[in-house]
Amino acid sequence: MKNTINIKPDNFDDFTYSKISHFQTIMKHSNAVPHKWKEANKGVIDPSLFTLKIYQYLLVYTFIYDNIPKGSKT
């Protein structure tokens, strides 16, 4: 398995457009893909089928998960 890059504030700009290499980083949270999207794609989580919305959703989810400690309050 290749090493994944953690999405941090200092490298977030690198993820503002999707690249194949980014999918390994965001796919570690593929269980967070909305249920409606999974149903529409018969449960298949295939990055080649991702819409921009799904890419953005997983990007933000991964950023928050990797950078905000559990129990943090705003």
N, C-alpha and C. Protein backbone atom coordinates (compact mmCIF):
# COMPACT_ATOMS: atom_id res chain seq x y z
N MET A 1 0.85 -1.19 0.00
CA MET A 1 0.00 0.00 0.00
C MET A 1 0.89 1.24 0.00
N LYS A 2 0.56 2.18 -0.84
CA LYS A 2 1.32 3.42 -0.92
C LYS A 2 1.02 4.29 0.30
N ASN A 3 1.98 5.14 0.63
CA ASN A 3 1.76 6.09 1.71
C ASN A 3 0.76 7.14 1.27
N THR A 4 -0.13 7.50 2.18
CA THR A 4 -1.07 8.56 1.86
C THR A 4 -0.57 9.86 2.47
N ILE A 5 -1.00 10.94 1.88
CA ILE A 5 -0.63 12.27 2.36
C ILE A 5 -1.76 12.77 3.24
N ASN A 6 -1.43 13.24 4.43
CA ASN A 6 -2.46 13.84 5.27
C ASN A 6 -2.75 15.24 4.76
N ILE A 7 -4.02 15.58 4.75
CA ILE A 7 -4.44 16.90 4.30
C ILE A 7 -4.33 17.84 5.50
N LYS A 8 -3.47 18.82 5.37
CA LYS A 8 -3.21 19.80 6.43
C LYS A 8 -3.48 21.20 5.89
N PRO A 9 -3.62 22.19 6.77
CA PRO A 9 -3.85 23.56 6.29
C PRO A 9 -2.77 24.04 5.32
N ASP A 10 -1.53 23.61 5.55
CA ASP A 10 -0.45 24.10 4.69
C ASP A 10 -0.39 23.42 3.32
N ASN A 11 -1.09 22.30 3.12
CA ASN A 11 -1.09 21.66 1.80
C ASN A 11 -2.51 21.53 1.22
N PHE A 12 -3.49 22.16 1.85
CA PHE A 12 -4.88 22.04 1.39
C PHE A 12 -5.04 22.53 -0.04
N ASP A 13 -4.30 23.58 -0.42
CA ASP A 13 -4.40 24.10 -1.78
C ASP A 13 -4.06 23.06 -2.84
N ASP A 14 -3.21 22.10 -2.50
CA ASP A 14 -2.85 21.04 -3.44
C ASP A 14 -4.05 20.16 -3.79
N PHE A 15 -5.09 20.19 -2.96
CA PHE A 15 -6.26 19.33 -3.16
C PHE A 15 -7.45 20.07 -3.75
N THR A 16 -7.26 21.32 -4.19
CA THR A 16 -8.40 22.09 -4.71
C THR A 16 -8.85 21.60 -6.08
N TYR A 17 -8.09 20.75 -6.71
CA TYR A 17 -8.53 20.08 -7.92
C TYR A 17 -8.21 18.60 -7.74
N SER A 18 -9.03 17.74 -8.30
CA SER A 18 -8.86 16.31 -8.07
C SER A 18 -7.78 15.73 -8.98
N LYS A 19 -6.98 14.88 -8.38
CA LYS A 19 -5.96 14.13 -9.11
C LYS A 19 -6.11 12.68 -8.68
N ILE A 20 -5.75 11.78 -9.52
CA ILE A 20 -5.87 10.36 -9.19
C ILE A 20 -5.13 10.06 -7.89
N SER A 21 -3.97 10.69 -7.70
CA SER A 21 -3.19 10.43 -6.48
C SER A 21 -3.89 10.90 -5.21
N HIS A 22 -4.83 11.82 -5.32
CA HIS A 22 -5.55 12.30 -4.14
C HIS A 22 -6.55 11.27 -3.63
N PHE A 23 -7.03 10.43 -4.51
CA PHE A 23 -8.09 9.51 -4.12
C PHE A 23 -7.66 8.52 -3.05
N GLN A 24 -6.40 8.14 -3.05
CA GLN A 24 -5.94 7.22 -2.01
C GLN A 24 -6.04 7.90 -0.64
N THR A 25 -5.78 9.20 -0.61
CA THR A 25 -5.87 9.94 0.65
C THR A 25 -7.31 10.04 1.12
N ILE A 26 -8.23 10.41 0.25
CA ILE A 26 -9.61 10.61 0.69
C ILE A 26 -10.40 9.31 0.79
N MET A 27 -9.95 8.26 0.11
CA MET A 27 -10.69 6.99 0.15
C MET A 27 -10.57 6.29 1.50
N LYS A 28 -9.64 6.72 2.35
CA LYS A 28 -9.54 6.09 3.67
C LYS A 28 -10.81 6.37 4.49
N HIS A 29 -11.60 7.34 4.05
CA HIS A 29 -12.87 7.67 4.71
C HIS A 29 -14.06 7.39 3.79
N SER A 30 -13.91 6.43 2.91
CA SER A 30 -14.99 6.15 1.96
C SER A 30 -16.26 5.67 2.65
N ASN A 31 -16.15 5.21 3.89
CA ASN A 31 -17.35 4.82 4.62
C ASN A 31 -18.23 6.03 4.93
N ALA A 32 -17.69 7.24 4.74
CA ALA A 32 -18.45 8.47 4.98
C ALA A 32 -19.24 8.92 3.75
N VAL A 33 -19.12 8.20 2.65
CA VAL A 33 -19.88 8.56 1.45
C VAL A 33 -21.37 8.46 1.79
N PRO A 34 -22.13 9.50 1.48
CA PRO A 34 -23.55 9.49 1.81
C PRO A 34 -24.28 8.24 1.30
N HIS A 35 -25.16 7.73 2.13
CA HIS A 35 -25.90 6.50 1.82
C HIS A 35 -26.66 6.60 0.51
N LYS A 36 -27.27 7.75 0.23
CA LYS A 36 -28.02 7.92 -1.02
C LYS A 36 -27.12 7.71 -2.23
N TRP A 37 -25.89 8.18 -2.15
CA TRP A 37 -24.96 8.03 -3.28
C TRP A 37 -24.59 6.56 -3.45
N LYS A 38 -24.38 5.86 -2.33
CA LYS A 38 -24.05 4.44 -2.41
C LYS A 38 -25.19 3.66 -3.05
N GLU A 39 -26.42 3.98 -2.67
CA GLU A 39 -27.58 3.30 -3.24
C GLU A 39 -27.67 3.55 -4.74
N ALA A 40 -27.44 4.77 -5.15
CA ALA A 40 -27.53 5.12 -6.57
C ALA A 40 -26.48 4.38 -7.40
N ASN A 41 -25.36 4.03 -6.77
CA ASN A 41 -24.29 3.32 -7.47
C ASN A 41 -24.18 1.86 -7.04
N LYS A 42 -25.28 1.34 -6.50
CA LYS A 42 -25.39 -0.06 -6.10
C LYS A 42 -24.27 -0.49 -5.15
N GLY A 43 -23.92 0.41 -4.25
CA GLY A 43 -22.93 0.11 -3.22
C GLY A 43 -21.49 0.19 -3.67
N VAL A 44 -21.26 0.50 -4.94
CA VAL A 44 -19.91 0.56 -5.47
C VAL A 44 -19.29 1.91 -5.13
N ILE A 45 -18.12 1.88 -4.50
CA ILE A 45 -17.40 3.11 -4.21
C ILE A 45 -16.18 3.13 -5.12
N ASP A 46 -16.38 3.69 -6.28
CA ASP A 46 -15.35 3.73 -7.32
C ASP A 46 -15.01 5.18 -7.62
N PRO A 47 -13.76 5.61 -7.32
CA PRO A 47 -13.40 7.01 -7.55
C PRO A 47 -13.63 7.48 -8.98
N SER A 48 -13.59 6.60 -9.95
CA SER A 48 -13.82 7.03 -11.33
C SER A 48 -15.28 7.45 -11.55
N LEU A 49 -16.16 7.08 -10.62
CA LEU A 49 -17.57 7.46 -10.72
C LEU A 49 -17.91 8.68 -9.86
N PHE A 50 -16.95 9.18 -9.11
CA PHE A 50 -17.21 10.30 -8.21
C PHE A 50 -17.59 11.55 -8.98
N THR A 51 -18.58 12.22 -8.46
CA THR A 51 -18.91 13.55 -8.96
C THR A 51 -18.05 14.54 -8.17
N LEU A 52 -18.04 15.77 -8.62
CA LEU A 52 -17.31 16.80 -7.90
C LEU A 52 -17.83 16.92 -6.47
N LYS A 53 -19.13 16.80 -6.30
CA LYS A 53 -19.72 16.93 -4.97
C LYS A 53 -19.20 15.85 -4.02
N ILE A 54 -19.09 14.62 -4.48
CA ILE A 54 -18.58 13.54 -3.63
C ILE A 54 -17.11 13.77 -3.31
N TYR A 55 -16.31 14.20 -4.31
CA TYR A 55 -14.91 14.50 -4.07
C TYR A 55 -14.78 15.58 -2.99
N GLN A 56 -15.55 16.67 -3.13
CA GLN A 56 -15.49 17.76 -2.17
C GLN A 56 -15.93 17.29 -0.78
N TYR A 57 -16.98 16.49 -0.72
CA TYR A 57 -17.47 15.98 0.54
C TYR A 57 -16.38 15.18 1.26
N LEU A 58 -15.77 14.25 0.55
CA LEU A 58 -14.73 13.43 1.18
C LEU A 58 -13.48 14.24 1.49
N LEU A 59 -13.17 15.22 0.68
CA LEU A 59 -12.01 16.08 0.95
C LEU A 59 -12.21 16.83 2.27
N VAL A 60 -13.36 17.45 2.43
CA VAL A 60 -13.62 18.22 3.65
C VAL A 60 -13.73 17.28 4.85
N TYR A 61 -14.40 16.15 4.69
CA TYR A 61 -14.52 15.18 5.77
C TYR A 61 -13.14 14.72 6.22
N THR A 62 -12.27 14.39 5.27
CA THR A 62 -10.92 13.94 5.59
C THR A 62 -10.13 15.03 6.29
N PHE A 63 -10.24 16.27 5.80
CA PHE A 63 -9.54 17.39 6.43
C PHE A 63 -9.98 17.55 7.88
N ILE A 64 -11.28 17.55 8.11
CA ILE A 64 -11.79 17.71 9.47
C ILE A 64 -11.36 16.53 10.35
N TYR A 65 -11.52 15.32 9.85
CA TYR A 65 -11.17 14.12 10.61
C TYR A 65 -9.69 14.11 10.99
N ASP A 66 -8.83 14.52 10.07
CA ASP A 66 -7.38 14.48 10.31
C ASP A 66 -6.86 15.65 11.12
N ASN A 67 -7.62 16.74 11.23
CA ASN A 67 -7.09 17.95 11.86
C ASN A 67 -7.82 18.45 13.08
N ILE A 68 -9.04 18.02 13.30
CA ILE A 68 -9.80 18.51 14.44
C ILE A 68 -9.87 17.38 15.49
N PRO A 69 -9.33 17.62 16.68
CA PRO A 69 -9.35 16.58 17.71
C PRO A 69 -10.77 16.22 18.12
N LYS A 70 -10.99 14.96 18.46
CA LYS A 70 -12.31 14.52 18.93
C LYS A 70 -12.69 15.33 20.17
N GLY A 71 -13.92 15.71 20.23
CA GLY A 71 -14.43 16.46 21.37
C GLY A 71 -14.18 17.95 21.29
N SER A 72 -13.57 18.42 20.22
CA SER A 72 -13.31 19.85 20.07
C SER A 72 -14.62 20.61 19.95
N LYS A 73 -14.61 21.82 20.45
CA LYS A 73 -15.79 22.66 20.35
C LYS A 73 -15.42 23.90 19.57
N THR A 74 -16.39 24.42 18.84
CA THR A 74 -16.13 25.62 18.06
C THR A 74 -16.24 26.87 18.89
